Amino acid sequence: MMKILLTIFGIIALGLGVLGIFLPVLPTTPLLLLAAALFLRGNMKLYDWLLNHPKLGPYIRNFMEHKAIPLKIKVLSVSLVWITLLNCAIFVADHWAFRAFFILLAAAITAHILSYKTLKSIDFRSSSSEEVP
């Protein structure tokens, strides 16, 4: 029963992680790492599939090995976060408190993303990459 629950939660985390590719407020890499951890304990076939996935696997393997994010992904993520949340602050929020919340949320997400080391390049055929401190 526990393996079934872990697999279900892993599928949910995977789905949210994939959505995070398109919605900058959802953290893609942490959700994919959570899915991998849940699959590791609940369903080894899904774990192997995720780590060997041609698009998602290299990001998970590189993050697990280097604890770093590629520069291109950092720039794209931070840019999309600010575009999305400033749009919400300016055009959606009617009250100053909501505007402040969106701006503080963008700042917090930016700080979190920038707190990780930067990978200079990603080799999608293997897990070797160069780190920039």
Protein backbone atom coordinates (compact mmCIF):
# COMPACT_ATOMS: atom_id res chain seq x y z
CA MET A 1 0.00 0.00 0.00
CA MET A 2 2.84 2.42 0.87
CA LYS A 3 4.54 1.82 -2.50
CA ILE A 4 1.29 2.70 -4.27
CA LEU A 5 0.97 5.96 -2.31
CA LEU A 6 4.61 6.87 -2.98
CA THR A 7 4.08 6.20 -6.69
CA ILE A 8 0.90 8.32 -6.77
CA PHE A 9 2.64 11.21 -4.98
CA GLY A 10 5.60 10.79 -7.34
CA ILE A 11 3.32 11.08 -10.37
CA ILE A 12 1.73 14.21 -8.88
CA ALA A 13 5.17 15.74 -8.20
CA LEU A 14 6.27 14.84 -11.72
CA GLY A 15 3.18 16.45 -13.22
CA LEU A 16 3.69 19.62 -11.19
CA GLY A 17 7.38 19.64 -12.12
CA VAL A 18 6.56 19.44 -15.81
CA LEU A 19 3.99 22.23 -15.35
CA GLY A 20 6.76 24.21 -13.67
CA ILE A 21 8.60 24.28 -16.99
CA PHE A 22 5.79 26.51 -18.30
CA LEU A 23 4.67 28.20 -15.06
CA PRO A 24 7.59 29.98 -13.41
CA VAL A 25 5.96 30.04 -9.97
CA LEU A 26 6.25 26.23 -9.72
CA PRO A 27 9.80 25.08 -8.93
CA THR A 28 10.62 22.52 -11.63
CA THR A 29 13.87 21.01 -10.35
CA PRO A 30 12.79 20.50 -6.71
CA LEU A 31 9.55 18.85 -7.85
CA LEU A 32 11.41 16.57 -10.26
CA LEU A 33 13.86 15.68 -7.48
CA LEU A 34 10.92 14.92 -5.19
CA ALA A 35 9.36 12.73 -7.88
CA ALA A 36 12.66 10.87 -8.28
CA ALA A 37 12.95 10.33 -4.51
CA LEU A 38 9.36 9.07 -4.29
CA PHE A 39 9.84 6.77 -7.29
CA LEU A 40 13.09 5.46 -5.77
CA ARG A 41 11.12 4.16 -2.79
CA GLY A 42 7.86 3.35 -4.56
CA ASN A 43 8.50 2.30 -8.15
CA MET A 44 12.00 1.59 -9.51
CA LYS A 45 10.72 1.36 -13.10
CA LEU A 46 9.43 4.94 -12.94
CA TYR A 47 12.64 6.06 -11.21
CA ASP A 48 14.76 4.54 -13.98
CA TRP A 49 12.44 6.00 -16.62
CA LEU A 50 12.67 9.50 -15.10
CA LEU A 51 16.46 9.46 -14.76
CA ASN A 52 16.84 8.16 -18.32
CA HIS A 53 14.27 10.55 -19.80
CA PRO A 54 15.93 12.48 -22.66
CA LYS A 55 14.68 15.91 -21.48
CA LEU A 56 14.20 15.61 -17.71
CA GLY A 57 16.91 13.10 -16.82
CA PRO A 58 19.98 15.27 -17.49
CA TYR A 59 18.70 18.09 -15.27
CA ILE A 60 18.03 15.69 -12.40
CA ARG A 61 21.36 13.87 -12.76
CA ASN A 62 23.35 17.11 -13.06
CA PHE A 63 21.59 18.65 -10.06
CA MET A 64 22.06 15.53 -7.95
CA GLU A 65 25.74 15.34 -8.88
CA HIS A 66 26.74 19.03 -8.78
CA LYS A 67 24.04 20.76 -6.68
CA ALA A 68 24.09 23.51 -9.31
CA ILE A 69 21.83 25.05 -11.99
CA PRO A 70 22.94 25.92 -15.55
CA LEU A 71 23.36 29.64 -16.21
CA LYS A 72 20.85 29.58 -19.08
CA ILE A 73 18.19 28.01 -16.82
CA LYS A 74 18.91 30.52 -14.04
CA VAL A 75 18.52 33.49 -16.38
CA LEU A 76 15.37 32.07 -17.96
CA SER A 77 13.82 31.15 -14.60
CA VAL A 78 14.51 34.47 -12.90
CA SER A 79 13.30 36.40 -15.96
CA LEU A 80 10.04 34.45 -16.19
CA VAL A 81 9.42 34.75 -12.45
CA TRP A 82 9.77 38.53 -12.57
CA ILE A 83 7.73 38.92 -15.77
CA THR A 84 4.92 36.80 -14.38
CA LEU A 85 4.81 38.20 -10.86
CA LEU A 86 5.26 41.84 -11.89
CA ASN A 87 2.42 41.33 -14.33
CA CYS A 88 0.31 40.04 -11.44
CA ALA A 89 1.38 42.91 -9.20
CA ILE A 90 0.60 45.56 -11.80
CA PHE A 91 -2.45 44.23 -13.62
CA VAL A 92 -4.11 41.71 -11.31
CA ALA A 93 -3.66 42.86 -7.71
CA ASP A 94 -6.02 45.62 -6.59
CA HIS A 95 -4.67 46.08 -3.08
CA TRP A 96 -1.16 47.24 -2.17
CA ALA A 97 -0.69 44.22 0.13
CA PHE A 98 -1.18 41.80 -2.77
CA ARG A 99 1.19 43.83 -4.93
CA ALA A 100 3.80 43.73 -2.19
CA PHE A 101 3.23 39.97 -1.79
CA PHE A 102 3.88 39.31 -5.49
CA ILE A 103 7.05 41.40 -5.46
CA LEU A 104 8.33 39.76 -2.26
CA LEU A 105 7.52 36.33 -3.68
CA ALA A 106 9.50 37.14 -6.83
CA ALA A 107 12.43 38.32 -4.71
CA ALA A 108 12.32 35.16 -2.56
CA ILE A 109 12.20 32.84 -5.58
CA THR A 110 15.05 34.78 -7.19
CA ALA A 111 17.15 34.51 -4.03
CA HIS A 112 16.48 30.77 -3.88
CA ILE A 113 17.46 30.20 -7.52
CA LEU A 114 20.58 32.35 -7.22
CA SER A 115 21.63 30.60 -4.00
CA TYR A 116 22.68 27.54 -6.02
CA LYS A 117 26.03 27.30 -7.76
CA THR A 118 26.04 27.90 -11.50
CA LEU A 119 26.87 25.23 -14.05
CA LYS A 120 28.82 26.68 -16.93
CA SER A 121 27.66 24.00 -19.37
CA ILE A 122 25.60 20.84 -19.48
CA ASP A 123 26.56 17.71 -21.34
CA PHE A 124 23.25 16.02 -22.09
CA ARG A 125 24.96 12.76 -23.08
CA SER A 126 26.54 12.30 -19.65
CA SER A 127 26.53 13.95 -16.24
CA SER A 128 29.82 15.81 -16.67
CA SER A 129 29.60 19.59 -16.40
CA GLU A 130 31.77 22.50 -15.42
CA GLU A 131 30.94 24.44 -12.26
CA VAL A 132 31.30 28.17 -11.77
CA PRO A 133 31.43 29.21 -8.09
